[in-house]
Amino acid sequence: MDIKIDIKEIMGEKAKNGYIPVELITDRGEISCRFYKVNSNNLGVIWVGGVGGGWDTPAEGLYPELSEKLKENGISSLRIRYRYPHDLNESVYDVIAGIKFLENVGASKIALVGHSLGGAVVIQAASSSDSVRTVITLSTQSYGADSVLNISKDTSILLIHGADDPVLPSSCSRQVYNKAHDPKEIVILTGNAHCLDESSEKVHQIVYDWIISELNR
C-alpha cells in the first residue's frame, strides 16, 4: 500500500504529558497521533486500541505508561487514534501511515502493539512493512488476522489473552498463534477479561521486556 503523508508540525510545540501532538496528513484525511520522541529515533513502537476509538488503552494505562518508560531506553512511541475505528481496512491504513512517519524520522526497527480489533490491524500492517520487527496483540480478534501468514520470517509475534474474555475468547489468539511462524509466543492469563486489567502489572512487564528484547536483537 503506497501512502504519502505530510506532517502538520505541531511537533514544534512543547511536549505535554510526555508526548507531542502530531497530525499525519494523508489523501484519506488527518490522523491524530501522540508522539513520544527521543533523541535517537531508530527504534519505535506504534500503539493502537480497538473499536472504542479515541486514545483507549488496555491493562490500566499500558500505552501511556510504557510510552514514557521506553523513552528511557531510547525507544520512541507513536499512539494513533483511528479515523474510523469500526473500519478494519481504514485502521490498517492509519497504522501504515504511522509506520511511514516513524521511518521518516529515522526508525529502522518498529514494534506494533494492538488491542482487540487492533490485533488484526497491526498484523495486517506488519505484513506490508520490512521495518516491523515484532508484533504484540492483546485480546486480539481472529477475523482479519490471517495476514499473520504473510509477516516476514524475521518478525516475531507475542499474543496475550485473558482466559475469561467474554468479548473475544482466548481461542482467537490460539488460532492466530497456530498460523504464525516462529519466533512466536502466547500467554493466556487466568482470571483476566478483555481489557486485561486484572493482571495489568504483569502485562506491563511482559510487553516491556518483549519490546526491549525484540527491538535490540
N, C-alpha and C. Protein backbone atom coordinates (compact mmCIF):
# COMPACT_ATOMS: atom_id res chain seq x y z
N MET A 1 0.85 -1.20 0.00
CA MET A 1 0.00 0.00 0.00
C MET A 1 0.89 1.25 0.00
N ASP A 2 0.73 2.08 -1.00
CA ASP A 2 1.54 3.29 -1.13
C ASP A 2 0.81 4.45 -0.46
N ILE A 3 1.42 4.99 0.58
CA ILE A 3 0.81 6.10 1.31
C ILE A 3 1.78 7.27 1.34
N LYS A 4 1.30 8.41 0.95
CA LYS A 4 2.10 9.63 1.05
C LYS A 4 1.54 10.45 2.20
N ILE A 5 2.43 10.89 3.08
CA ILE A 5 1.98 11.68 4.22
C ILE A 5 2.74 12.99 4.32
N ASP A 6 2.06 13.99 4.81
CA ASP A 6 2.68 15.23 5.25
C ASP A 6 2.44 15.31 6.75
N ILE A 7 3.28 16.05 7.43
CA ILE A 7 3.18 16.14 8.88
C ILE A 7 2.84 17.57 9.27
N LYS A 8 1.71 17.73 9.93
CA LYS A 8 1.37 19.04 10.46
C LYS A 8 2.26 19.26 11.67
N GLU A 9 3.18 20.19 11.56
CA GLU A 9 4.22 20.33 12.57
C GLU A 9 3.67 21.00 13.81
N ILE A 10 2.92 20.17 14.53
CA ILE A 10 2.59 20.53 15.90
C ILE A 10 3.78 20.11 16.75
N MET A 11 4.74 19.45 16.06
CA MET A 11 5.93 18.98 16.76
C MET A 11 6.77 20.12 17.30
N GLY A 12 6.54 21.32 16.78
CA GLY A 12 7.25 22.47 17.31
C GLY A 12 6.76 22.85 18.70
N GLU A 13 5.59 22.33 19.05
CA GLU A 13 5.04 22.62 20.38
C GLU A 13 5.84 21.90 21.45
N LYS A 14 5.85 22.45 22.62
CA LYS A 14 6.49 21.80 23.74
C LYS A 14 5.67 20.58 24.13
N ALA A 15 6.39 19.47 24.35
CA ALA A 15 5.70 18.24 24.71
C ALA A 15 4.93 18.42 26.02
N LYS A 16 3.71 17.88 26.05
CA LYS A 16 2.94 17.91 27.27
C LYS A 16 2.56 16.47 27.62
N ASN A 17 2.58 16.17 28.89
CA ASN A 17 2.29 14.81 29.33
C ASN A 17 3.22 13.80 28.66
N GLY A 18 4.41 14.25 28.29
CA GLY A 18 5.41 13.36 27.72
C GLY A 18 5.32 13.16 26.22
N TYR A 19 4.30 13.70 25.57
CA TYR A 19 4.17 13.48 24.13
C TYR A 19 3.98 14.79 23.39
N ILE A 20 4.21 14.71 22.07
CA ILE A 20 3.99 15.82 21.17
C ILE A 20 2.80 15.47 20.28
N PRO A 21 1.77 16.30 20.20
CA PRO A 21 0.65 16.02 19.29
C PRO A 21 1.09 16.18 17.84
N VAL A 22 0.74 15.21 17.02
CA VAL A 22 1.12 15.21 15.61
C VAL A 22 -0.10 14.85 14.77
N GLU A 23 -0.27 15.52 13.64
CA GLU A 23 -1.31 15.18 12.69
C GLU A 23 -0.64 14.70 11.40
N LEU A 24 -0.97 13.49 10.99
CA LEU A 24 -0.47 12.96 9.72
C LEU A 24 -1.49 13.28 8.64
N ILE A 25 -1.07 14.01 7.63
CA ILE A 25 -1.97 14.44 6.57
C ILE A 25 -1.87 13.45 5.42
N THR A 26 -2.96 12.74 5.13
CA THR A 26 -2.97 11.76 4.05
C THR A 26 -4.09 12.08 3.07
N ASP A 27 -4.12 11.35 1.97
CA ASP A 27 -5.18 11.59 0.99
C ASP A 27 -6.53 11.06 1.46
N ARG A 28 -6.55 10.41 2.64
CA ARG A 28 -7.81 9.94 3.21
C ARG A 28 -8.21 10.73 4.46
N GLY A 29 -7.46 11.76 4.76
CA GLY A 29 -7.79 12.58 5.92
C GLY A 29 -6.65 12.67 6.92
N GLU A 30 -6.87 13.41 7.99
CA GLU A 30 -5.85 13.62 9.01
C GLU A 30 -5.95 12.55 10.09
N ILE A 31 -4.78 12.06 10.49
CA ILE A 31 -4.69 11.03 11.53
C ILE A 31 -4.04 11.65 12.75
N SER A 32 -4.74 11.67 13.86
CA SER A 32 -4.22 12.27 15.08
C SER A 32 -3.33 11.27 15.82
N CYS A 33 -2.17 11.75 16.25
CA CYS A 33 -1.20 10.89 16.94
C CYS A 33 -0.60 11.60 18.15
N ARG A 34 -0.05 10.82 19.04
CA ARG A 34 0.73 11.33 20.15
C ARG A 34 2.12 10.72 20.04
N PHE A 35 3.11 11.59 19.86
CA PHE A 35 4.48 11.15 19.59
C PHE A 35 5.36 11.34 20.82
N TYR A 36 5.87 10.24 21.33
CA TYR A 36 6.78 10.25 22.48
C TYR A 36 8.19 10.18 21.90
N LYS A 37 8.79 11.33 21.71
CA LYS A 37 10.02 11.48 20.94
C LYS A 37 11.26 11.27 21.81
N VAL A 38 12.26 10.62 21.23
CA VAL A 38 13.58 10.50 21.86
C VAL A 38 14.60 11.11 20.91
N ASN A 39 15.82 11.33 21.41
CA ASN A 39 16.84 11.97 20.60
C ASN A 39 17.23 11.13 19.38
N SER A 40 17.32 9.84 19.60
CA SER A 40 17.62 8.93 18.50
C SER A 40 16.38 8.09 18.23
N ASN A 41 15.81 8.24 17.05
CA ASN A 41 14.54 7.60 16.76
C ASN A 41 14.67 6.35 15.89
N ASN A 42 15.80 5.62 16.02
CA ASN A 42 15.95 4.44 15.17
C ASN A 42 15.11 3.26 15.64
N LEU A 43 14.61 3.31 16.90
CA LEU A 43 13.73 2.28 17.42
C LEU A 43 12.39 2.92 17.78
N GLY A 44 11.29 2.27 17.38
CA GLY A 44 9.99 2.88 17.65
C GLY A 44 8.90 1.86 17.87
N VAL A 45 7.83 2.30 18.53
CA VAL A 45 6.67 1.46 18.79
C VAL A 45 5.41 2.22 18.38
N ILE A 46 4.46 1.50 17.79
CA ILE A 46 3.14 2.06 17.49
C ILE A 46 2.12 1.32 18.33
N TRP A 47 1.22 2.10 18.97
CA TRP A 47 0.20 1.54 19.86
C TRP A 47 -1.19 1.90 19.35
N VAL A 48 -2.06 0.89 19.22
CA VAL A 48 -3.43 1.16 18.80
C VAL A 48 -4.42 0.34 19.63
N GLY A 49 -5.63 0.90 19.75
CA GLY A 49 -6.67 0.25 20.54
C GLY A 49 -7.65 -0.51 19.68
N GLY A 50 -8.91 -0.57 20.15
CA GLY A 50 -9.94 -1.34 19.46
C GLY A 50 -11.02 -0.46 18.87
N VAL A 51 -12.23 -1.02 18.77
CA VAL A 51 -13.33 -0.30 18.13
C VAL A 51 -13.83 0.87 18.97
N GLY A 52 -13.40 0.95 20.21
CA GLY A 52 -13.80 2.08 21.06
C GLY A 52 -13.25 3.40 20.55
N GLY A 53 -12.14 3.33 19.80
CA GLY A 53 -11.55 4.54 19.25
C GLY A 53 -10.93 5.42 20.32
N GLY A 54 -10.74 6.66 19.97
CA GLY A 54 -10.13 7.60 20.92
C GLY A 54 -8.70 7.18 21.26
N TRP A 55 -8.34 7.43 22.50
CA TRP A 55 -7.00 7.07 22.98
C TRP A 55 -7.09 5.88 23.93
N ASP A 56 -7.99 4.96 23.65
CA ASP A 56 -8.20 3.84 24.56
C ASP A 56 -6.94 2.99 24.71
N THR A 57 -6.80 2.39 25.88
CA THR A 57 -5.64 1.57 26.19
C THR A 57 -6.07 0.44 27.11
N PRO A 58 -5.58 -0.77 26.89
CA PRO A 58 -5.89 -1.88 27.80
C PRO A 58 -4.98 -1.87 29.02
N ALA A 59 -5.22 -2.80 29.92
CA ALA A 59 -4.33 -3.07 31.06
C ALA A 59 -4.01 -1.83 31.88
N GLU A 60 -5.05 -1.07 32.21
CA GLU A 60 -4.91 0.08 33.12
C GLU A 60 -3.76 1.01 32.75
N GLY A 61 -3.86 1.60 31.57
CA GLY A 61 -2.89 2.61 31.16
C GLY A 61 -1.61 2.07 30.57
N LEU A 62 -1.67 0.88 29.99
CA LEU A 62 -0.48 0.27 29.41
C LEU A 62 0.22 1.18 28.40
N TYR A 63 -0.55 1.76 27.48
CA TYR A 63 0.07 2.50 26.39
C TYR A 63 0.80 3.77 26.85
N PRO A 64 0.14 4.67 27.59
CA PRO A 64 0.88 5.86 28.01
C PRO A 64 2.02 5.55 28.97
N GLU A 65 1.83 4.57 29.84
CA GLU A 65 2.89 4.26 30.81
C GLU A 65 4.14 3.71 30.11
N LEU A 66 3.95 2.75 29.21
CA LEU A 66 5.13 2.19 28.54
C LEU A 66 5.71 3.15 27.50
N SER A 67 4.88 4.01 26.93
CA SER A 67 5.41 5.01 26.00
C SER A 67 6.42 5.91 26.72
N GLU A 68 6.12 6.24 27.95
CA GLU A 68 7.04 7.05 28.76
C GLU A 68 8.26 6.23 29.18
N LYS A 69 8.01 5.02 29.65
CA LYS A 69 9.10 4.19 30.17
C LYS A 69 10.11 3.82 29.09
N LEU A 70 9.62 3.55 27.89
CA LEU A 70 10.52 3.14 26.82
C LEU A 70 11.41 4.27 26.33
N LYS A 71 11.01 5.50 26.57
CA LYS A 71 11.87 6.63 26.21
C LYS A 71 13.20 6.55 26.94
N GLU A 72 13.19 6.00 28.14
CA GLU A 72 14.42 5.85 28.91
C GLU A 72 15.38 4.85 28.26
N ASN A 73 14.86 4.03 27.38
CA ASN A 73 15.69 3.05 26.66
C ASN A 73 15.96 3.49 25.22
N GLY A 74 15.68 4.75 24.92
CA GLY A 74 15.94 5.26 23.58
C GLY A 74 14.95 4.78 22.53
N ILE A 75 13.73 4.46 22.97
CA ILE A 75 12.71 3.96 22.06
C ILE A 75 11.55 4.96 22.02
N SER A 76 11.26 5.47 20.83
CA SER A 76 10.14 6.41 20.68
C SER A 76 8.84 5.65 20.53
N SER A 77 7.73 6.31 20.78
CA SER A 77 6.41 5.70 20.65
C SER A 77 5.47 6.63 19.89
N LEU A 78 4.55 6.01 19.16
CA LEU A 78 3.52 6.76 18.46
C LEU A 78 2.18 6.11 18.76
N ARG A 79 1.33 6.83 19.48
CA ARG A 79 -0.04 6.36 19.72
C ARG A 79 -0.94 6.94 18.63
N ILE A 80 -1.75 6.10 18.03
CA ILE A 80 -2.57 6.51 16.90
C ILE A 80 -4.05 6.43 17.27
N ARG A 81 -4.77 7.49 16.94
CA ARG A 81 -6.22 7.49 17.09
C ARG A 81 -6.83 7.24 15.71
N TYR A 82 -7.52 6.13 15.58
CA TYR A 82 -8.12 5.79 14.30
C TYR A 82 -9.07 6.90 13.81
N ARG A 83 -9.11 7.09 12.51
CA ARG A 83 -10.12 7.96 11.93
C ARG A 83 -11.49 7.30 11.97
N TYR A 84 -11.51 6.00 11.65
CA TYR A 84 -12.77 5.23 11.62
C TYR A 84 -12.55 3.91 12.36
N PRO A 85 -12.72 3.92 13.68
CA PRO A 85 -12.36 2.75 14.50
C PRO A 85 -13.19 1.49 14.23
N HIS A 86 -14.29 1.61 13.52
CA HIS A 86 -15.08 0.42 13.21
C HIS A 86 -14.73 -0.16 11.84
N ASP A 87 -13.78 0.45 11.16
CA ASP A 87 -13.40 0.03 9.81
C ASP A 87 -12.00 -0.56 9.84
N LEU A 88 -11.90 -1.87 9.68
CA LEU A 88 -10.61 -2.56 9.77
C LEU A 88 -9.63 -2.05 8.72
N ASN A 89 -10.08 -1.95 7.48
CA ASN A 89 -9.17 -1.54 6.41
C ASN A 89 -8.64 -0.12 6.60
N GLU A 90 -9.52 0.80 7.01
CA GLU A 90 -9.08 2.17 7.23
C GLU A 90 -8.13 2.26 8.42
N SER A 91 -8.36 1.43 9.42
CA SER A 91 -7.49 1.42 10.60
C SER A 91 -6.10 0.88 10.25
N VAL A 92 -6.06 -0.11 9.37
CA VAL A 92 -4.77 -0.60 8.88
C VAL A 92 -4.04 0.52 8.14
N TYR A 93 -4.78 1.26 7.35
CA TYR A 93 -4.20 2.41 6.63
C TYR A 93 -3.57 3.39 7.61
N ASP A 94 -4.27 3.67 8.71
CA ASP A 94 -3.76 4.61 9.71
C ASP A 94 -2.43 4.14 10.29
N VAL A 95 -2.34 2.84 10.57
CA VAL A 95 -1.10 2.30 11.16
C VAL A 95 0.03 2.32 10.13
N ILE A 96 -0.27 2.00 8.88
CA ILE A 96 0.78 2.06 7.86
C ILE A 96 1.29 3.49 7.70
N ALA A 97 0.38 4.46 7.80
CA ALA A 97 0.81 5.86 7.77
C ALA A 97 1.71 6.16 8.96
N GLY A 98 1.38 5.60 10.12
CA GLY A 98 2.22 5.77 11.30
C GLY A 98 3.59 5.17 11.11
N ILE A 99 3.66 4.02 10.47
CA ILE A 99 4.95 3.40 10.17
C ILE A 99 5.78 4.31 9.27
N LYS A 100 5.14 4.88 8.26
CA LYS A 100 5.84 5.81 7.36
C LYS A 100 6.39 7.00 8.13
N PHE A 101 5.59 7.50 9.07
CA PHE A 101 6.04 8.64 9.88
C PHE A 101 7.29 8.26 10.67
N LEU A 102 7.26 7.12 11.36
CA LEU A 102 8.42 6.72 12.16
C LEU A 102 9.64 6.49 11.28
N GLU A 103 9.42 5.91 10.10
CA GLU A 103 10.55 5.72 9.17
C GLU A 103 11.12 7.07 8.75
N ASN A 104 10.24 8.04 8.53
CA ASN A 104 10.70 9.36 8.10
C ASN A 104 11.54 10.08 9.15
N VAL A 105 11.32 9.75 10.44
CA VAL A 105 12.11 10.38 11.49
C VAL A 105 13.28 9.49 11.92
N GLY A 106 13.51 8.41 11.16
CA GLY A 106 14.72 7.63 11.37
C GLY A 106 14.57 6.22 11.89
N ALA A 107 13.35 5.76 12.11
CA ALA A 107 13.17 4.42 12.68
C ALA A 107 13.45 3.34 11.64
N SER A 108 14.25 2.37 12.03
CA SER A 108 14.54 1.24 11.15
C SER A 108 14.04 -0.07 11.76
N LYS A 109 13.71 -0.04 13.04
CA LYS A 109 13.14 -1.21 13.72
C LYS A 109 11.91 -0.76 14.50
N ILE A 110 10.77 -1.36 14.20
CA ILE A 110 9.50 -0.90 14.76
C ILE A 110 8.73 -2.08 15.35
N ALA A 111 8.09 -1.84 16.49
CA ALA A 111 7.18 -2.80 17.10
C ALA A 111 5.76 -2.26 16.96
N LEU A 112 4.81 -3.14 16.70
CA LEU A 112 3.40 -2.76 16.61
C LEU A 112 2.63 -3.46 17.71
N VAL A 113 1.81 -2.70 18.44
CA VAL A 113 1.03 -3.26 19.54
C VAL A 113 -0.43 -2.89 19.33
N GLY A 114 -1.33 -3.91 19.37
CA GLY A 114 -2.74 -3.63 19.15
C GLY A 114 -3.63 -4.45 20.07
N HIS A 115 -4.70 -3.82 20.55
CA HIS A 115 -5.67 -4.47 21.43
C HIS A 115 -6.97 -4.74 20.68
N SER A 116 -7.52 -5.94 20.87
CA SER A 116 -8.82 -6.31 20.32
C SER A 116 -8.80 -6.22 18.79
N LEU A 117 -9.67 -5.40 18.19
CA LEU A 117 -9.60 -5.15 16.75
C LEU A 117 -8.18 -4.77 16.34
N GLY A 118 -7.51 -4.02 17.21
CA GLY A 118 -6.15 -3.56 16.92
C GLY A 118 -5.16 -4.69 16.70
N GLY A 119 -5.47 -5.89 17.22
CA GLY A 119 -4.59 -7.02 16.97
C GLY A 119 -4.57 -7.38 15.50
N ALA A 120 -5.75 -7.46 14.89
CA ALA A 120 -5.83 -7.73 13.46
C ALA A 120 -5.24 -6.57 12.66
N VAL A 121 -5.44 -5.36 13.15
CA VAL A 121 -4.91 -4.17 12.47
C VAL A 121 -3.39 -4.24 12.38
N VAL A 122 -2.72 -4.50 13.51
CA VAL A 122 -1.25 -4.49 13.48
C VAL A 122 -0.69 -5.68 12.73
N ILE A 123 -1.39 -6.80 12.75
CA ILE A 123 -0.93 -7.96 11.98
C ILE A 123 -0.96 -7.64 10.49
N GLN A 124 -2.06 -7.03 10.03
CA GLN A 124 -2.15 -6.68 8.61
C GLN A 124 -1.10 -5.62 8.25
N ALA A 125 -0.92 -4.64 9.11
CA ALA A 125 0.05 -3.58 8.83
C ALA A 125 1.47 -4.14 8.78
N ALA A 126 1.77 -5.08 9.67
CA ALA A 126 3.12 -5.67 9.72
C ALA A 126 3.46 -6.40 8.44
N SER A 127 2.45 -6.99 7.81
CA SER A 127 2.71 -7.76 6.60
C SER A 127 3.07 -6.88 5.41
N SER A 128 2.95 -5.56 5.58
CA SER A 128 3.24 -4.64 4.47
C SER A 128 4.52 -3.85 4.68
N SER A 129 5.28 -4.15 5.76
CA SER A 129 6.44 -3.33 6.07
C SER A 129 7.65 -4.17 6.46
N ASP A 130 8.80 -3.82 5.91
CA ASP A 130 10.05 -4.50 6.28
C ASP A 130 10.65 -3.92 7.55
N SER A 131 10.13 -2.79 8.02
CA SER A 131 10.68 -2.16 9.21
C SER A 131 10.14 -2.77 10.50
N VAL A 132 9.04 -3.50 10.40
CA VAL A 132 8.42 -4.07 11.61
C VAL A 132 9.20 -5.31 12.04
N ARG A 133 9.70 -5.28 13.27
CA ARG A 133 10.49 -6.39 13.80
C ARG A 133 9.69 -7.29 14.72
N THR A 134 8.61 -6.75 15.31
CA THR A 134 7.80 -7.58 16.19
C THR A 134 6.39 -7.04 16.27
N VAL A 135 5.45 -7.93 16.54
CA VAL A 135 4.04 -7.59 16.69
C VAL A 135 3.57 -8.14 18.04
N ILE A 136 2.80 -7.32 18.76
CA ILE A 136 2.21 -7.76 20.03
C ILE A 136 0.71 -7.55 19.94
N THR A 137 -0.05 -8.62 20.14
CA THR A 137 -1.50 -8.49 20.16
C THR A 137 -2.02 -8.75 21.57
N LEU A 138 -3.03 -8.00 21.94
CA LEU A 138 -3.65 -8.11 23.26
C LEU A 138 -5.14 -8.38 23.06
N SER A 139 -5.60 -9.56 23.46
CA SER A 139 -7.01 -9.93 23.30
C SER A 139 -7.47 -9.75 21.86
N THR A 140 -6.68 -10.24 20.93
CA THR A 140 -6.97 -10.00 19.52
C THR A 140 -8.19 -10.76 19.02
N GLN A 141 -8.82 -10.20 18.02
CA GLN A 141 -9.82 -10.93 17.27
C GLN A 141 -9.08 -11.78 16.23
N SER A 142 -9.73 -12.84 15.79
CA SER A 142 -9.11 -13.67 14.75
C SER A 142 -9.52 -13.21 13.35
N TYR A 143 -10.70 -12.57 13.26
CA TYR A 143 -11.14 -12.07 11.96
C TYR A 143 -10.16 -11.02 11.44
N GLY A 144 -9.70 -11.20 10.23
CA GLY A 144 -8.77 -10.25 9.63
C GLY A 144 -7.32 -10.49 9.99
N ALA A 145 -7.05 -11.55 10.76
CA ALA A 145 -5.68 -11.80 11.23
C ALA A 145 -4.95 -12.87 10.42
N ASP A 146 -5.56 -13.34 9.34
CA ASP A 146 -4.90 -14.36 8.53
C ASP A 146 -3.62 -13.85 7.88
N SER A 147 -3.46 -12.53 7.84
CA SER A 147 -2.25 -11.94 7.27
C SER A 147 -1.01 -12.29 8.08
N VAL A 148 -1.20 -12.91 9.24
CA VAL A 148 -0.05 -13.36 10.03
C VAL A 148 0.81 -14.32 9.20
N LEU A 149 0.19 -14.98 8.21
CA LEU A 149 0.91 -15.89 7.33
C LEU A 149 1.89 -15.13 6.43
N ASN A 150 1.65 -13.84 6.24
CA ASN A 150 2.45 -13.04 5.31
C ASN A 150 3.50 -12.18 6.00
N ILE A 151 3.55 -12.25 7.32
CA ILE A 151 4.55 -11.46 8.05
C ILE A 151 5.94 -12.00 7.77
N SER A 152 6.90 -11.11 7.67
CA SER A 152 8.28 -11.50 7.39
C SER A 152 8.77 -12.55 8.39
N LYS A 153 9.60 -13.46 7.90
CA LYS A 153 10.15 -14.51 8.75
C LYS A 153 11.02 -13.95 9.87
N ASP A 154 11.49 -12.72 9.69
CA ASP A 154 12.32 -12.07 10.72
C ASP A 154 11.49 -11.36 11.79
N THR A 155 10.17 -11.34 11.61
CA THR A 155 9.29 -10.62 12.53
C THR A 155 8.66 -11.59 13.52
N SER A 156 8.85 -11.30 14.81
CA SER A 156 8.30 -12.16 15.86
C SER A 156 6.89 -11.70 16.22
N ILE A 157 6.17 -12.55 16.96
CA ILE A 157 4.84 -12.17 17.42
C ILE A 157 4.59 -12.71 18.82
N LEU A 158 4.02 -11.85 19.66
CA LEU A 158 3.61 -12.20 21.01
C LEU A 158 2.12 -11.97 21.12
N LEU A 159 1.38 -12.98 21.59
CA LEU A 159 -0.06 -12.87 21.76
C LEU A 159 -0.40 -13.04 23.24
N ILE A 160 -1.14 -12.08 23.79
CA ILE A 160 -1.58 -12.13 25.19
C ILE A 160 -3.10 -12.10 25.20
N HIS A 161 -3.71 -12.97 26.00
CA HIS A 161 -5.17 -13.03 26.04
C HIS A 161 -5.63 -13.47 27.41
N GLY A 162 -6.78 -12.97 27.81
CA GLY A 162 -7.39 -13.38 29.07
C GLY A 162 -8.16 -14.68 28.89
N ALA A 163 -7.99 -15.60 29.84
CA ALA A 163 -8.68 -16.89 29.76
C ALA A 163 -10.19 -16.74 29.91
N ASP A 164 -10.64 -15.64 30.53
CA ASP A 164 -12.05 -15.43 30.80
C ASP A 164 -12.61 -14.25 30.02
N ASP A 165 -12.07 -14.02 28.84
CA ASP A 165 -12.51 -12.90 28.00
C ASP A 165 -13.93 -13.16 27.50
N PRO A 166 -14.90 -12.31 27.89
CA PRO A 166 -16.28 -12.52 27.44
C PRO A 166 -16.57 -11.89 26.07
N VAL A 167 -15.63 -11.12 25.56
CA VAL A 167 -15.83 -10.42 24.28
C VAL A 167 -15.25 -11.23 23.12
N LEU A 168 -13.99 -11.59 23.25
CA LEU A 168 -13.31 -12.42 22.26
C LEU A 168 -12.63 -13.56 23.01
N PRO A 169 -13.03 -14.79 22.81
CA PRO A 169 -12.45 -15.90 23.57
C PRO A 169 -10.97 -16.08 23.26
N SER A 170 -10.25 -16.67 24.20
CA SER A 170 -8.81 -16.86 24.02
C SER A 170 -8.50 -17.75 22.83
N SER A 171 -9.49 -18.49 22.35
CA SER A 171 -9.28 -19.32 21.16
C SER A 171 -8.92 -18.47 19.95
N CYS A 172 -9.32 -17.18 19.96
CA CYS A 172 -8.95 -16.27 18.86
C CYS A 172 -7.43 -16.15 18.77
N SER A 173 -6.80 -15.92 19.91
CA SER A 173 -5.34 -15.80 19.91
C SER A 173 -4.68 -17.14 19.58
N ARG A 174 -5.27 -18.23 20.05
CA ARG A 174 -4.71 -19.55 19.75
C ARG A 174 -4.75 -19.83 18.24
N GLN A 175 -5.83 -19.42 17.60
CA GLN A 175 -5.93 -19.62 16.15
C GLN A 175 -4.82 -18.87 15.43
N VAL A 176 -4.60 -17.61 15.83
CA VAL A 176 -3.56 -16.80 15.20
C VAL A 176 -2.18 -17.40 15.49
N TYR A 177 -1.98 -17.80 16.73
CA TYR A 177 -0.70 -18.39 17.14
C TYR A 177 -0.38 -19.63 16.30
N ASN A 178 -1.36 -20.47 16.09
CA ASN A 178 -1.15 -21.72 15.34
C ASN A 178 -0.76 -21.45 13.89
N LYS A 179 -1.21 -20.32 13.34
CA LYS A 179 -0.89 -19.98 11.95
C LYS A 179 0.45 -19.24 11.83
N ALA A 180 0.89 -18.62 12.91
CA ALA A 180 2.11 -17.79 12.87
C ALA A 180 3.37 -18.65 12.80
N HIS A 181 4.40 -18.10 12.21
CA HIS A 181 5.69 -18.78 12.19
C HIS A 181 6.50 -18.39 13.42
N ASP A 182 7.53 -19.13 13.71
CA ASP A 182 8.47 -18.75 14.78
C ASP A 182 9.32 -17.58 14.30
N PRO A 183 9.81 -16.75 15.24
CA PRO A 183 9.61 -16.81 16.69
C PRO A 183 8.23 -16.30 17.10
N LYS A 184 7.59 -17.03 18.00
CA LYS A 184 6.27 -16.66 18.47
C LYS A 184 6.08 -17.13 19.90
N GLU A 185 5.17 -16.45 20.60
CA GLU A 185 4.87 -16.83 21.99
C GLU A 185 3.43 -16.44 22.28
N ILE A 186 2.77 -17.25 23.10
CA ILE A 186 1.41 -16.93 23.52
C ILE A 186 1.32 -17.02 25.03
N VAL A 187 0.62 -16.06 25.63
CA VAL A 187 0.41 -16.01 27.09
C VAL A 187 -1.08 -15.92 27.34
N ILE A 188 -1.64 -16.91 28.02
CA ILE A 188 -3.06 -16.90 28.40
C ILE A 188 -3.12 -16.65 29.90
N LEU A 189 -3.78 -15.57 30.28
CA LEU A 189 -3.81 -15.15 31.69
C LEU A 189 -5.12 -15.55 32.35
N THR A 190 -5.02 -16.45 33.32
CA THR A 190 -6.19 -16.92 34.06
C THR A 190 -6.82 -15.77 34.84
N GLY A 191 -8.15 -15.73 34.84
CA GLY A 191 -8.87 -14.73 35.62
C GLY A 191 -8.92 -13.37 34.98
N ASN A 192 -8.51 -13.26 33.72
CA ASN A 192 -8.49 -11.97 33.03
C ASN A 192 -9.59 -11.89 31.98
N ALA A 193 -10.22 -10.71 31.92
CA ALA A 193 -11.25 -10.44 30.92
C ALA A 193 -10.62 -9.72 29.72
N HIS A 194 -11.43 -9.02 28.95
CA HIS A 194 -10.99 -8.49 27.67
C HIS A 194 -9.90 -7.42 27.78
N CYS A 195 -9.99 -6.58 28.80
CA CYS A 195 -9.04 -5.47 28.91
C CYS A 195 -7.77 -5.81 29.69
N LEU A 196 -7.71 -7.01 30.25
CA LEU A 196 -6.53 -7.48 30.95
C LEU A 196 -6.16 -6.63 32.16
N ASP A 197 -7.17 -5.96 32.74
CA ASP A 197 -6.92 -5.11 33.91
C ASP A 197 -6.54 -5.93 35.14
N GLU A 198 -7.02 -7.17 35.20
CA GLU A 198 -6.80 -7.98 36.39
C GLU A 198 -5.31 -8.31 36.60
N SER A 199 -4.55 -8.37 35.53
CA SER A 199 -3.11 -8.66 35.63
C SER A 199 -2.31 -7.55 34.96
N SER A 200 -2.75 -6.31 35.16
CA SER A 200 -2.14 -5.20 34.43
C SER A 200 -0.63 -5.08 34.67
N GLU A 201 -0.18 -5.24 35.91
CA GLU A 201 1.25 -5.12 36.18
C GLU A 201 2.05 -6.18 35.44
N LYS A 202 1.52 -7.39 35.42
CA LYS A 202 2.20 -8.48 34.71
C LYS A 202 2.22 -8.21 33.22
N VAL A 203 1.11 -7.72 32.67
CA VAL A 203 1.06 -7.40 31.25
C VAL A 203 2.06 -6.31 30.91
N HIS A 204 2.14 -5.29 31.75
CA HIS A 204 3.10 -4.20 31.52
C HIS A 204 4.51 -4.76 31.43
N GLN A 205 4.87 -5.64 32.35
CA GLN A 205 6.23 -6.17 32.40
C GLN A 205 6.51 -7.06 31.20
N ILE A 206 5.56 -7.91 30.85
CA ILE A 206 5.75 -8.82 29.72
C ILE A 206 5.94 -8.03 28.43
N VAL A 207 5.08 -7.05 28.20
CA VAL A 207 5.16 -6.25 26.97
C VAL A 207 6.45 -5.44 26.93
N TYR A 208 6.80 -4.83 28.05
CA TYR A 208 8.03 -4.04 28.13
C TYR A 208 9.25 -4.90 27.82
N ASP A 209 9.37 -6.03 28.47
CA ASP A 209 10.53 -6.91 28.28
C ASP A 209 10.61 -7.41 26.84
N TRP A 210 9.45 -7.73 26.26
CA TRP A 210 9.43 -8.24 24.89
C TRP A 210 9.90 -7.17 23.90
N ILE A 211 9.41 -5.96 24.06
CA ILE A 211 9.81 -4.87 23.15
C ILE A 211 11.30 -4.60 23.24
N ILE A 212 11.81 -4.50 24.47
CA ILE A 212 13.24 -4.24 24.65
C ILE A 212 14.07 -5.34 23.97
N SER A 213 13.68 -6.58 24.20
CA SER A 213 14.43 -7.71 23.65
C SER A 213 14.36 -7.76 22.13
N GLU A 214 13.15 -7.61 21.58
CA GLU A 214 12.97 -7.80 20.15
C GLU A 214 13.52 -6.65 19.32
N LEU A 215 13.42 -5.43 19.81
CA LEU A 215 13.95 -4.30 19.04
C LEU A 215 15.46 -4.19 19.12
N ASN A 216 16.07 -4.92 20.04
CA ASN A 216 17.52 -4.87 20.18
C ASN A 216 18.20 -6.15 19.73
N ARG A 217 17.47 -7.05 19.11
CA ARG A 217 18.11 -8.28 18.62
C ARG A 217 18.65 -8.11 17.20
